Amino acid sequence: MVCVGESMAVFVPATAPRSWTEGVGGAESNVACHLAGHGFRSRWVSALGDDSFGRAVLSRVRASGVDTADVHVDPTRPTGLYFKQPGAVTYYRHGSAASALGPELLDRISLAHTRLVHISGITAALSPSCLELLRAVLRDRRGDYLVSFDVNWRPALWERGGGPELLRELADSADIVLVGSDEADSLWGTDDPVRVRSLLPRPKTLVVKQGADGATLLEDGQRVFEPALSVDVVEPVGAGDAFAAGFLASTLDGHGAGRRLRAGHLSAAGTLLTHEDVGEALPAELVSALLEADEPAWRGARVSTEGVRLG
């Protein structure tokens, strides 16, 4: 699997006064890291600055088992940064190395033997060339692979406008689309999965994530809802990427609708329990038990930093 998009150095306040903990944040690399954790060969394609932040990002993503051979090191542009505080995220990514990516990227990477390419709406907002890159990924298929698109609506990145129309255009050209119900409501005026499907008729698979309530899958005329796990949330940032990876991994493994949604919820739970953008996976034996659990047991389970309590 190939994930294309920007990652940045992320700083979160530490417990000591005036100190910060450095990490890595980026939707597509988050998905790549989770996919590697699910046992898939995953590759992250992007650009970083030739600076200490870029080297730290590359090292962290590579340490998660992700292939980073196609990450370009830009000698003139910097690595993007963002600072994460309770209730607020501040980005410093204008003019970053990744913002210079364009459709020519596809000429220098191989997509042979690729089963899925994952992209997100964040990339479309970074620059006109990045938007053209996503259009090329969706239009110029260079192999027999699926393209998944996570809408990832970030209003602050769309200062030039056009977000709702462009994101609808891109989403409707993908094979698999993931969108939050709150995002759909902000962008297109509806959070109803059926109405969202009417706006995006072309993708084979549409997942509408409905926060703590659950998620709905619309595919082949079928509509399936799976409630979310009950989780004692530490921080929600990154949980959507984890859900995407769990759902995509289960999809490529050929599982049915309900199990694929559960796999997404279980993957998200590990990240909800941490301040990190990529959290630890839940214990494999518990994941297996919950994937097979009947509905009362699934609804009765509760996940916390102390462990998983089954209903």
C-alpha atoms as a PDB file:
ATOM      1  CA  MET A   1       0.000   0.000   0.000  1.00  0.00           C
ATOM      2  CA  VAL A   2       1.179   3.512  -0.788  1.00  0.00           C
ATOM      3  CA  CYS A   3       0.223   6.587   1.256  1.00  0.00           C
ATOM      4  CA  VAL A   4       0.941  10.016  -0.244  1.00  0.00           C
ATOM      5  CA  GLY A   5       0.944  13.255   1.742  1.00  0.00           C
ATOM      6  CA  GLU A   6       2.714  15.636   4.093  1.00  0.00           C
ATOM      7  CA  SER A   7       3.978  14.825   7.566  1.00  0.00           C
ATOM      8  CA  MET A   8       5.330  17.348  10.013  1.00  0.00           C
ATOM      9  CA  ALA A   9       7.218  17.569  13.252  1.00  0.00           C
ATOM     10  CA  VAL A  10       4.628  17.985  16.008  1.00  0.00           C
ATOM     11  CA  PHE A  11       5.176  19.488  19.434  1.00  0.00           C
ATOM     12  CA  VAL A  12       2.964  18.843  22.450  1.00  0.00           C
ATOM     13  CA  PRO A  13       3.304  20.470  25.881  1.00  0.00           C
ATOM     14  CA  ALA A  14       5.273  18.310  28.328  1.00  0.00           C
ATOM     15  CA  THR A  15       4.640  18.141  32.061  1.00  0.00           C
ATOM     16  CA  ALA A  16       7.631  20.339  32.901  1.00  0.00           C
ATOM     17  CA  PRO A  17       7.052  24.109  32.530  1.00  0.00           C
ATOM     18  CA  ARG A  18       7.964  25.635  29.150  1.00  0.00           C
ATOM     19  CA  SER A  19       8.922  22.274  27.674  1.00  0.00           C
ATOM     20  CA  TRP A  20       7.590  20.401  24.670  1.00  0.00           C
ATOM     21  CA  THR A  21       7.661  16.812  23.478  1.00  0.00           C
ATOM     22  CA  GLU A  22       8.499  16.327  19.798  1.00  0.00           C
ATOM     23  CA  GLY A  23       6.673  13.789  17.680  1.00  0.00           C
ATOM     24  CA  VAL A  24       5.398  13.207  14.161  1.00  0.00           C
ATOM     25  CA  GLY A  25       2.031  14.170  12.720  1.00  0.00           C
ATOM     26  CA  GLY A  26       0.563  13.631   9.291  1.00  0.00           C
ATOM     27  CA  ALA A  27      -2.597  11.875   8.180  1.00  0.00           C
ATOM     28  CA  GLU A  28      -1.056   9.770   5.426  1.00  0.00           C
ATOM     29  CA  SER A  29       2.058   8.695   7.340  1.00  0.00           C
ATOM     30  CA  ASN A  30      -0.188   7.882  10.305  1.00  0.00           C
ATOM     31  CA  VAL A  31      -2.183   5.539   8.075  1.00  0.00           C
ATOM     32  CA  ALA A  32       1.040   4.034   6.701  1.00  0.00           C
ATOM     33  CA  CYS A  33       2.330   3.364  10.229  1.00  0.00           C
ATOM     34  CA  HIS A  34      -0.918   1.702  11.264  1.00  0.00           C
ATOM     35  CA  LEU A  35      -1.008  -0.411   8.113  1.00  0.00           C
ATOM     36  CA  ALA A  36       2.517  -1.621   8.861  1.00  0.00           C
ATOM     37  CA  GLY A  37       1.319  -2.487  12.356  1.00  0.00           C
ATOM     38  CA  HIS A  38      -1.498  -4.518  10.793  1.00  0.00           C
ATOM     39  CA  GLY A  39       1.116  -6.564   8.930  1.00  0.00           C
ATOM     40  CA  PHE A  40       0.904  -4.908   5.516  1.00  0.00           C
ATOM     41  CA  ARG A  41       3.814  -3.664   3.446  1.00  0.00           C
ATOM     42  CA  SER A  42       3.239   0.077   3.445  1.00  0.00           C
ATOM     43  CA  ARG A  43       5.114   2.879   1.742  1.00  0.00           C
ATOM     44  CA  TRP A  44       4.933   6.581   2.531  1.00  0.00           C
ATOM     45  CA  VAL A  45       5.657   9.031  -0.297  1.00  0.00           C
ATOM     46  CA  SER A  46       6.285  12.684   0.519  1.00  0.00           C
ATOM     47  CA  ALA A  47       8.925  15.423   0.788  1.00  0.00           C
ATOM     48  CA  LEU A  48      10.790  16.755   3.822  1.00  0.00           C
ATOM     49  CA  GLY A  49      13.259  19.544   4.383  1.00  0.00           C
ATOM     50  CA  ASP A  50      16.958  18.866   4.750  1.00  0.00           C
ATOM     51  CA  ASP A  51      16.778  19.766   8.441  1.00  0.00           C
ATOM     52  CA  SER A  52      16.694  18.165  11.861  1.00  0.00           C
ATOM     53  CA  PHE A  53      12.891  18.084  11.894  1.00  0.00           C
ATOM     54  CA  GLY A  54      12.793  16.249   8.572  1.00  0.00           C
ATOM     55  CA  ARG A  55      15.353  13.717   9.756  1.00  0.00           C
ATOM     56  CA  ALA A  56      13.335  13.124  12.936  1.00  0.00           C
ATOM     57  CA  VAL A  57      10.114  12.599  10.964  1.00  0.00           C
ATOM     58  CA  LEU A  58      11.820  10.199   8.575  1.00  0.00           C
ATOM     59  CA  SER A  59      13.382   8.236  11.411  1.00  0.00           C
ATOM     60  CA  ARG A  60      10.131   7.882  13.345  1.00  0.00           C
ATOM     61  CA  VAL A  61       8.073   6.782  10.353  1.00  0.00           C
ATOM     62  CA  ARG A  62      10.766   4.346   9.221  1.00  0.00           C
ATOM     63  CA  ALA A  63      10.986   2.901  12.738  1.00  0.00           C
ATOM     64  CA  SER A  64       7.301   1.950  12.473  1.00  0.00           C
ATOM     65  CA  GLY A  65       8.150  -0.422   9.629  1.00  0.00           C
ATOM     66  CA  VAL A  66       7.152   1.903   6.780  1.00  0.00           C
ATOM     67  CA  ASP A  67       9.120   2.024   3.522  1.00  0.00           C
ATOM     68  CA  THR A  68      10.369   5.627   3.141  1.00  0.00           C
ATOM     69  CA  ALA A  69      12.599   5.144   0.075  1.00  0.00           C
ATOM     70  CA  ASP A  70      10.419   7.486  -2.011  1.00  0.00           C
ATOM     71  CA  VAL A  71      10.533  10.413   0.425  1.00  0.00           C
ATOM     72  CA  HIS A  72      12.281  13.342  -1.284  1.00  0.00           C
ATOM     73  CA  VAL A  73      14.641  15.505   0.792  1.00  0.00           C
ATOM     74  CA  ASP A  74      14.299  19.090  -0.413  1.00  0.00           C
ATOM     75  CA  PRO A  75      17.503  21.132   0.030  1.00  0.00           C
ATOM     76  CA  THR A  76      15.762  24.527   0.014  1.00  0.00           C
ATOM     77  CA  ARG A  77      12.312  24.153   1.593  1.00  0.00           C
ATOM     78  CA  PRO A  78      11.685  23.352   5.273  1.00  0.00           C
ATOM     79  CA  THR A  79       9.832  20.552   7.003  1.00  0.00           C
ATOM     80  CA  GLY A  80       6.388  21.622   8.192  1.00  0.00           C
ATOM     81  CA  LEU A  81       5.693  22.012  11.918  1.00  0.00           C
ATOM     82  CA  TYR A  82       2.660  22.116  14.129  1.00  0.00           C
ATOM     83  CA  PHE A  83       2.011  22.715  17.794  1.00  0.00           C
ATOM     84  CA  LYS A  84      -0.763  20.854  19.564  1.00  0.00           C
ATOM     85  CA  GLN A  85      -2.356  22.233  22.720  1.00  0.00           C
ATOM     86  CA  PRO A  86      -5.641  21.354  24.427  1.00  0.00           C
ATOM     87  CA  GLY A  87      -8.393  22.460  22.071  1.00  0.00           C
ATOM     88  CA  ALA A  88      -6.077  24.044  19.501  1.00  0.00           C
ATOM     89  CA  VAL A  89      -3.613  23.116  16.763  1.00  0.00           C
ATOM     90  CA  THR A  90      -1.303  25.712  15.178  1.00  0.00           C
ATOM     91  CA  TYR A  91       0.347  24.915  11.826  1.00  0.00           C
ATOM     92  CA  TYR A  92       3.575  26.261  10.318  1.00  0.00           C
ATOM     93  CA  ARG A  93       3.547  24.589   6.921  1.00  0.00           C
ATOM     94  CA  HIS A  94       3.375  27.394   4.343  1.00  0.00           C
ATOM     95  CA  GLY A  95       6.128  26.870   1.781  1.00  0.00           C
ATOM     96  CA  SER A  96       7.047  23.482   3.215  1.00  0.00           C
ATOM     97  CA  ALA A  97       8.868  20.840   1.201  1.00  0.00           C
ATOM     98  CA  ALA A  98       5.702  18.789   0.787  1.00  0.00           C
ATOM     99  CA  SER A  99       3.736  21.770  -0.535  1.00  0.00           C
ATOM    100  CA  ALA A 100       5.966  21.695  -3.631  1.00  0.00           C
ATOM    101  CA  LEU A 101       4.857  18.170  -4.604  1.00  0.00           C
ATOM    102  CA  GLY A 102       3.069  17.895  -7.935  1.00  0.00           C
ATOM    103  CA  PRO A 103       1.854  15.381 -10.514  1.00  0.00           C
ATOM    104  CA  GLU A 104       5.410  14.776 -11.748  1.00  0.00           C
ATOM    105  CA  LEU A 105       5.862  12.748  -8.553  1.00  0.00           C
ATOM    106  CA  LEU A 106       4.077   9.873 -10.269  1.00  0.00           C
ATOM    107  CA  ASP A 107       6.824   9.706 -12.894  1.00  0.00           C
ATOM    108  CA  ARG A 108       9.527   8.948 -10.330  1.00  0.00           C
ATOM    109  CA  ILE A 109       7.811   6.304  -8.192  1.00  0.00           C
ATOM    110  CA  SER A 110       6.682   2.809  -9.054  1.00  0.00           C
ATOM    111  CA  LEU A 111       3.162   1.637  -8.302  1.00  0.00           C
ATOM    112  CA  ALA A 112       3.756  -1.893  -9.579  1.00  0.00           C
ATOM    113  CA  HIS A 113       2.291  -4.554  -7.278  1.00  0.00           C
ATOM    114  CA  THR A 114       0.432  -1.849  -5.321  1.00  0.00           C
ATOM    115  CA  ARG A 115      -2.996  -2.850  -4.043  1.00  0.00           C
ATOM    116  CA  LEU A 116      -4.110   0.513  -2.726  1.00  0.00           C
ATOM    117  CA  VAL A 117      -3.057   4.179  -2.839  1.00  0.00           C
ATOM    118  CA  HIS A 118      -4.272   6.318   0.064  1.00  0.00           C
ATOM    119  CA  ILE A 119      -4.601  10.107  -0.138  1.00  0.00           C
ATOM    120  CA  SER A 120      -6.462  12.803   1.767  1.00  0.00           C
ATOM    121  CA  GLY A 121      -8.045  16.203   1.283  1.00  0.00           C
ATOM    122  CA  ILE A 122      -5.330  17.851   3.353  1.00  0.00           C
ATOM    123  CA  THR A 123      -2.887  17.525   0.463  1.00  0.00           C
ATOM    124  CA  ALA A 124      -5.291  19.275  -1.902  1.00  0.00           C
ATOM    125  CA  ALA A 125      -5.231  22.363   0.313  1.00  0.00           C
ATOM    126  CA  LEU A 126      -1.439  22.743   0.485  1.00  0.00           C
ATOM    127  CA  SER A 127      -0.853  24.260  -2.966  1.00  0.00           C
ATOM    128  CA  PRO A 128      -2.183  24.223  -6.545  1.00  0.00           C
ATOM    129  CA  SER A 129       0.510  21.676  -7.501  1.00  0.00           C
ATOM    130  CA  CYS A 130      -0.549  19.384  -4.656  1.00  0.00           C
ATOM    131  CA  LEU A 131      -4.146  19.585  -5.847  1.00  0.00           C
ATOM    132  CA  GLU A 132      -3.011  18.575  -9.325  1.00  0.00           C
ATOM    133  CA  LEU A 133      -1.078  15.676  -7.819  1.00  0.00           C
ATOM    134  CA  LEU A 134      -4.259  14.306  -6.248  1.00  0.00           C
ATOM    135  CA  ARG A 135      -6.169  14.762  -9.478  1.00  0.00           C
ATOM    136  CA  ALA A 136      -3.440  12.827 -11.280  1.00  0.00           C
ATOM    137  CA  VAL A 137      -3.516  10.012  -8.694  1.00  0.00           C
ATOM    138  CA  LEU A 138      -7.261   9.699  -9.177  1.00  0.00           C
ATOM    139  CA  ARG A 139      -7.278  10.128 -12.965  1.00  0.00           C
ATOM    140  CA  ASP A 140      -4.090   8.530 -14.262  1.00  0.00           C
ATOM    141  CA  ARG A 141      -4.226   5.023 -12.840  1.00  0.00           C
ATOM    142  CA  ARG A 142      -0.870   3.305 -13.370  1.00  0.00           C
ATOM    143  CA  GLY A 143      -1.847  -0.121 -12.202  1.00  0.00           C
ATOM    144  CA  ASP A 144      -4.690  -2.276 -10.966  1.00  0.00           C
ATOM    145  CA  TYR A 145      -5.035  -0.680  -7.545  1.00  0.00           C
ATOM    146  CA  LEU A 146      -7.747   0.991  -5.500  1.00  0.00           C
ATOM    147  CA  VAL A 147      -7.567   4.631  -4.422  1.00  0.00           C
ATOM    148  CA  SER A 148      -8.901   5.536  -0.991  1.00  0.00           C
ATOM    149  CA  PHE A 149      -9.634   9.156  -0.093  1.00  0.00           C
ATOM    150  CA  ASP A 150     -10.110  10.494   3.421  1.00  0.00           C
ATOM    151  CA  VAL A 151     -11.795  13.904   3.175  1.00  0.00           C
ATOM    152  CA  ASN A 152      -9.984  15.305   6.240  1.00  0.00           C
ATOM    153  CA  TRP A 153     -11.627  18.743   6.135  1.00  0.00           C
ATOM    154  CA  ARG A 154      -9.283  21.393   7.592  1.00  0.00           C
ATOM    155  CA  PRO A 155     -10.995  24.801   7.134  1.00  0.00           C
ATOM    156  CA  ALA A 156      -7.895  26.778   8.144  1.00  0.00           C
ATOM    157  CA  LEU A 157      -6.003  25.341   5.159  1.00  0.00           C
ATOM    158  CA  TRP A 158      -8.597  26.516   2.635  1.00  0.00           C
ATOM    159  CA  GLU A 159      -8.117  30.254   2.924  1.00  0.00           C
ATOM    160  CA  ARG A 160      -8.279  30.606  -0.854  1.00  0.00           C
ATOM    161  CA  GLY A 161     -11.736  28.988  -0.825  1.00  0.00           C
ATOM    162  CA  GLY A 162     -13.166  26.243  -2.986  1.00  0.00           C
ATOM    163  CA  GLY A 163     -12.876  23.482  -0.411  1.00  0.00           C
ATOM    164  CA  PRO A 164     -16.413  22.046  -0.556  1.00  0.00           C
ATOM    165  CA  GLU A 165     -16.521  21.799  -4.347  1.00  0.00           C
ATOM    166  CA  LEU A 166     -12.963  20.528  -4.755  1.00  0.00           C
ATOM    167  CA  LEU A 167     -13.252  17.932  -2.017  1.00  0.00           C
ATOM    168  CA  ARG A 168     -16.504  16.651  -3.462  1.00  0.00           C
ATOM    169  CA  GLU A 169     -14.846  16.393  -6.894  1.00  0.00           C
ATOM    170  CA  LEU A 170     -11.894  14.441  -5.490  1.00  0.00           C
ATOM    171  CA  ALA A 171     -13.987  12.198  -3.258  1.00  0.00           C
ATOM    172  CA  ASP A 172     -16.342  11.268  -6.067  1.00  0.00           C
ATOM    173  CA  SER A 173     -13.379  10.100  -8.165  1.00  0.00           C
ATOM    174  CA  ALA A 174     -12.056   7.625  -5.555  1.00  0.00           C
ATOM    175  CA  ASP A 175     -12.902   3.964  -5.014  1.00  0.00           C
ATOM    176  CA  ILE A 176     -13.147   4.205  -1.223  1.00  0.00           C
ATOM    177  CA  VAL A 177     -14.163   7.395   0.616  1.00  0.00           C
ATOM    178  CA  LEU A 178     -14.033   8.101   4.335  1.00  0.00           C
ATOM    179  CA  VAL A 179     -15.674  11.227   5.747  1.00  0.00           C
ATOM    180  CA  GLY A 180     -16.825  12.335   9.181  1.00  0.00           C
ATOM    181  CA  SER A 181     -20.502  13.217   9.511  1.00  0.00           C
ATOM    182  CA  ASP A 182     -19.455  16.572  11.010  1.00  0.00           C
ATOM    183  CA  GLU A 183     -17.179  17.184   8.011  1.00  0.00           C
ATOM    184  CA  ALA A 184     -19.960  16.328   5.563  1.00  0.00           C
ATOM    185  CA  ASP A 185     -22.322  18.682   7.350  1.00  0.00           C
ATOM    186  CA  SER A 186     -19.798  21.543   7.254  1.00  0.00           C
ATOM    187  CA  LEU A 187     -18.905  20.934   3.611  1.00  0.00           C
ATOM    188  CA  TRP A 188     -22.150  19.877   1.987  1.00  0.00           C
ATOM    189  CA  GLY A 189     -24.904  20.683   4.460  1.00  0.00           C
ATOM    190  CA  THR A 190     -25.836  17.155   5.531  1.00  0.00           C
ATOM    191  CA  ASP A 191     -24.630  14.548   8.009  1.00  0.00           C
ATOM    192  CA  ASP A 192     -27.073  11.879   6.828  1.00  0.00           C
ATOM    193  CA  PRO A 193     -25.158   8.959   5.249  1.00  0.00           C
ATOM    194  CA  VAL A 194     -27.827   8.387   2.591  1.00  0.00           C
ATOM    195  CA  ARG A 195     -27.766  12.021   1.502  1.00  0.00           C
ATOM    196  CA  VAL A 196     -23.960  12.033   1.516  1.00  0.00           C
ATOM    197  CA  ARG A 197     -24.108   8.987  -0.758  1.00  0.00           C
ATOM    198  CA  SER A 198     -26.379  10.882  -3.144  1.00  0.00           C
ATOM    199  CA  LEU A 199     -23.692  13.586  -3.354  1.00  0.00           C
ATOM    200  CA  LEU A 200     -20.956  10.976  -3.938  1.00  0.00           C
ATOM    201  CA  PRO A 201     -22.554   8.352  -6.183  1.00  0.00           C
ATOM    202  CA  ARG A 202     -19.445   7.035  -7.948  1.00  0.00           C
ATOM    203  CA  PRO A 203     -17.205   5.485  -5.255  1.00  0.00           C
ATOM    204  CA  LYS A 204     -17.830   1.789  -4.657  1.00  0.00           C
ATOM    205  CA  THR A 205     -17.384   2.240  -0.908  1.00  0.00           C
ATOM    206  CA  LEU A 206     -18.428   5.154   1.311  1.00  0.00           C
ATOM    207  CA  VAL A 207     -17.840   5.257   5.067  1.00  0.00           C
ATOM    208  CA  VAL A 208     -19.464   8.010   7.113  1.00  0.00           C
ATOM    209  CA  LYS A 209     -17.832   8.218  10.539  1.00  0.00           C
ATOM    210  CA  GLN A 210     -20.327   9.374  13.153  1.00  0.00           C
ATOM    211  CA  GLY A 211     -18.024  10.063  16.077  1.00  0.00           C
ATOM    212  CA  ALA A 212     -18.807   8.319  19.340  1.00  0.00           C
ATOM    213  CA  ASP A 213     -22.018   6.903  17.858  1.00  0.00           C
ATOM    214  CA  GLY A 214     -20.330   4.683  15.283  1.00  0.00           C
ATOM    215  CA  ALA A 215     -19.885   4.494  11.521  1.00  0.00           C
ATOM    216  CA  THR A 216     -22.031   3.670   8.498  1.00  0.00           C
ATOM    217  CA  LEU A 217     -20.828   1.800   5.411  1.00  0.00           C
ATOM    218  CA  LEU A 218     -22.650   2.244   2.110  1.00  0.00           C
ATOM    219  CA  GLU A 219     -21.579  -0.226  -0.568  1.00  0.00           C
ATOM    220  CA  ASP A 220     -23.264  -2.171  -3.368  1.00  0.00           C
ATOM    221  CA  GLY A 221     -26.683  -0.851  -2.335  1.00  0.00           C
ATOM    222  CA  GLN A 222     -26.113  -2.050   1.224  1.00  0.00           C
ATOM    223  CA  ARG A 223     -26.144   0.180   4.315  1.00  0.00           C
ATOM    224  CA  VAL A 224     -24.478  -1.148   7.468  1.00  0.00           C
ATOM    225  CA  PHE A 225     -24.089   0.682  10.778  1.00  0.00           C
ATOM    226  CA  GLU A 226     -21.675  -0.460  13.478  1.00  0.00           C
ATOM    227  CA  PRO A 227     -21.651   1.317  16.862  1.00  0.00           C
ATOM    228  CA  ALA A 228     -18.361   2.651  18.140  1.00  0.00           C
ATOM    229  CA  LEU A 229     -16.594   1.135  21.107  1.00  0.00           C
ATOM    230  CA  SER A 230     -16.971   2.917  24.408  1.00  0.00           C
ATOM    231  CA  VAL A 231     -13.546   4.521  25.012  1.00  0.00           C
ATOM    232  CA  ASP A 232     -12.204   6.712  27.830  1.00  0.00           C
ATOM    233  CA  VAL A 233     -10.722   9.260  25.415  1.00  0.00           C
ATOM    234  CA  VAL A 234      -7.383  10.875  26.249  1.00  0.00           C
ATOM    235  CA  GLU A 235      -7.180  12.808  22.960  1.00  0.00           C
ATOM    236  CA  PRO A 236      -8.992  12.370  19.627  1.00  0.00           C
ATOM    237  CA  VAL A 237      -6.274  13.628  17.227  1.00  0.00           C
ATOM    238  CA  GLY A 238      -5.159  10.834  14.891  1.00  0.00           C
ATOM    239  CA  ALA A 239      -8.073   8.519  15.640  1.00  0.00           C
ATOM    240  CA  GLY A 240      -9.582   9.053  12.191  1.00  0.00           C
ATOM    241  CA  ASP A 241      -6.343   7.931  10.546  1.00  0.00           C
ATOM    242  CA  ALA A 242      -6.248   4.860  12.759  1.00  0.00           C
ATOM    243  CA  PHE A 243      -9.863   4.060  11.852  1.00  0.00           C
ATOM    244  CA  ALA A 244      -9.027   4.420   8.168  1.00  0.00           C
ATOM    245  CA  ALA A 245      -6.089   2.031   8.442  1.00  0.00           C
ATOM    246  CA  GLY A 246      -8.064  -0.589  10.341  1.00  0.00           C
ATOM    247  CA  PHE A 247     -10.950  -0.399   7.890  1.00  0.00           C
ATOM    248  CA  LEU A 248      -8.688  -0.497   4.830  1.00  0.00           C
ATOM    249  CA  ALA A 249      -6.646  -3.410   6.174  1.00  0.00           C
ATOM    250  CA  SER A 250      -9.791  -5.424   6.852  1.00  0.00           C
ATOM    251  CA  THR A 251     -11.184  -4.486   3.428  1.00  0.00           C
ATOM    252  CA  LEU A 252      -8.077  -5.779   1.663  1.00  0.00           C
ATOM    253  CA  ASP A 253      -8.285  -8.926   3.761  1.00  0.00           C
ATOM    254  CA  GLY A 254     -11.730  -9.501   2.224  1.00  0.00           C
ATOM    255  CA  HIS A 255     -13.892  -9.283   5.345  1.00  0.00           C
ATOM    256  CA  GLY A 256     -17.570  -8.413   5.528  1.00  0.00           C
ATOM    257  CA  ALA A 257     -19.054  -4.996   6.198  1.00  0.00           C
ATOM    258  CA  GLY A 258     -19.598  -5.189   9.956  1.00  0.00           C
ATOM    259  CA  ARG A 259     -16.190  -6.678  10.670  1.00  0.00           C
ATOM    260  CA  ARG A 260     -14.461  -4.019   8.571  1.00  0.00           C
ATOM    261  CA  LEU A 261     -16.164  -1.248  10.554  1.00  0.00           C
ATOM    262  CA  ARG A 262     -15.282  -2.956  13.831  1.00  0.00           C
ATOM    263  CA  ALA A 263     -11.674  -3.221  12.713  1.00  0.00           C
ATOM    264  CA  GLY A 264     -11.715   0.531  12.156  1.00  0.00           C
ATOM    265  CA  HIS A 265     -13.175   1.199  15.600  1.00  0.00           C
ATOM    266  CA  LEU A 266     -10.652  -1.092  17.287  1.00  0.00           C
ATOM    267  CA  SER A 267      -7.743   0.528  15.491  1.00  0.00           C
ATOM    268  CA  ALA A 268      -9.000   3.994  16.469  1.00  0.00           C
ATOM    269  CA  ALA A 269      -9.354   2.999  20.126  1.00  0.00           C
ATOM    270  CA  GLY A 270      -5.609   2.580  20.605  1.00  0.00           C
ATOM    271  CA  THR A 271      -4.960   6.136  19.406  1.00  0.00           C
ATOM    272  CA  LEU A 272      -7.818   7.595  21.461  1.00  0.00           C
ATOM    273  CA  LEU A 273      -5.983   6.369  24.578  1.00  0.00           C
ATOM    274  CA  THR A 274      -2.845   8.446  23.957  1.00  0.00           C
ATOM    275  CA  HIS A 275      -1.594  11.958  23.200  1.00  0.00           C
ATOM    276  CA  GLU A 276       0.376  10.498  20.264  1.00  0.00           C
ATOM    277  CA  ASP A 277      -0.958  10.694  16.709  1.00  0.00           C
ATOM    278  CA  VAL A 278      -0.201   6.970  16.321  1.00  0.00           C
ATOM    279  CA  GLY A 279      -1.140   4.995  19.420  1.00  0.00           C
ATOM    280  CA  GLU A 280      -0.377   1.470  20.485  1.00  0.00           C
ATOM    281  CA  ALA A 281      -2.605  -1.242  19.074  1.00  0.00           C
ATOM    282  CA  LEU A 282      -4.926  -3.030  21.487  1.00  0.00           C
ATOM    283  CA  PRO A 283      -3.787  -6.547  22.486  1.00  0.00           C
ATOM    284  CA  ALA A 284      -4.281  -8.953  19.614  1.00  0.00           C
ATOM    285  CA  GLU A 285      -6.285 -11.451  21.664  1.00  0.00           C
ATOM    286  CA  LEU A 286      -8.768  -8.748  22.704  1.00  0.00           C
ATOM    287  CA  VAL A 287      -9.065  -7.488  19.148  1.00  0.00           C
ATOM    288  CA  SER A 288      -9.815 -11.000  17.950  1.00  0.00           C
ATOM    289  CA  ALA A 289     -12.413 -11.520  20.687  1.00  0.00           C
ATOM    290  CA  LEU A 290     -14.167  -8.226  19.967  1.00  0.00           C
ATOM    291  CA  LEU A 291     -14.210  -8.779  16.222  1.00  0.00           C
ATOM    292  CA  GLU A 292     -16.104 -12.015  16.839  1.00  0.00           C
ATOM    293  CA  ALA A 293     -18.262 -10.753  19.747  1.00  0.00           C
ATOM    294  CA  ASP A 294     -22.045 -10.691  19.533  1.00  0.00           C
ATOM    295  CA  GLU A 295     -23.720  -7.291  19.526  1.00  0.00           C
ATOM    296  CA  PRO A 296     -24.460  -7.106  23.303  1.00  0.00           C
ATOM    297  CA  ALA A 297     -20.841  -7.975  24.123  1.00  0.00           C
ATOM    298  CA  TRP A 298     -19.534  -5.431  21.622  1.00  0.00           C
ATOM    299  CA  ARG A 299     -21.799  -2.690  22.960  1.00  0.00           C
ATOM    300  CA  GLY A 300     -20.901  -3.590  26.544  1.00  0.00           C
ATOM    301  CA  ALA A 301     -17.132  -3.413  26.089  1.00  0.00           C
ATOM    302  CA  ARG A 302     -15.260  -0.422  27.484  1.00  0.00           C
ATOM    303  CA  VAL A 303     -11.690   0.567  26.597  1.00  0.00           C
ATOM    304  CA  SER A 304      -9.498   2.614  28.940  1.00  0.00           C
ATOM    305  CA  THR A 305      -5.832   3.085  29.761  1.00  0.00           C
ATOM    306  CA  GLU A 306      -6.356   0.350  32.366  1.00  0.00           C
ATOM    307  CA  GLY A 307      -7.340  -2.159  29.718  1.00  0.00           C
ATOM    308  CA  VAL A 308     -10.518  -3.497  28.091  1.00  0.00           C
ATOM    309  CA  ARG A 309     -13.523  -4.468  30.119  1.00  0.00           C
ATOM    310  CA  LEU A 310     -15.850  -6.841  28.292  1.00  0.00           C
ATOM    311  CA  GLY A 311     -19.571  -6.515  28.858  1.00  0.00           C
END
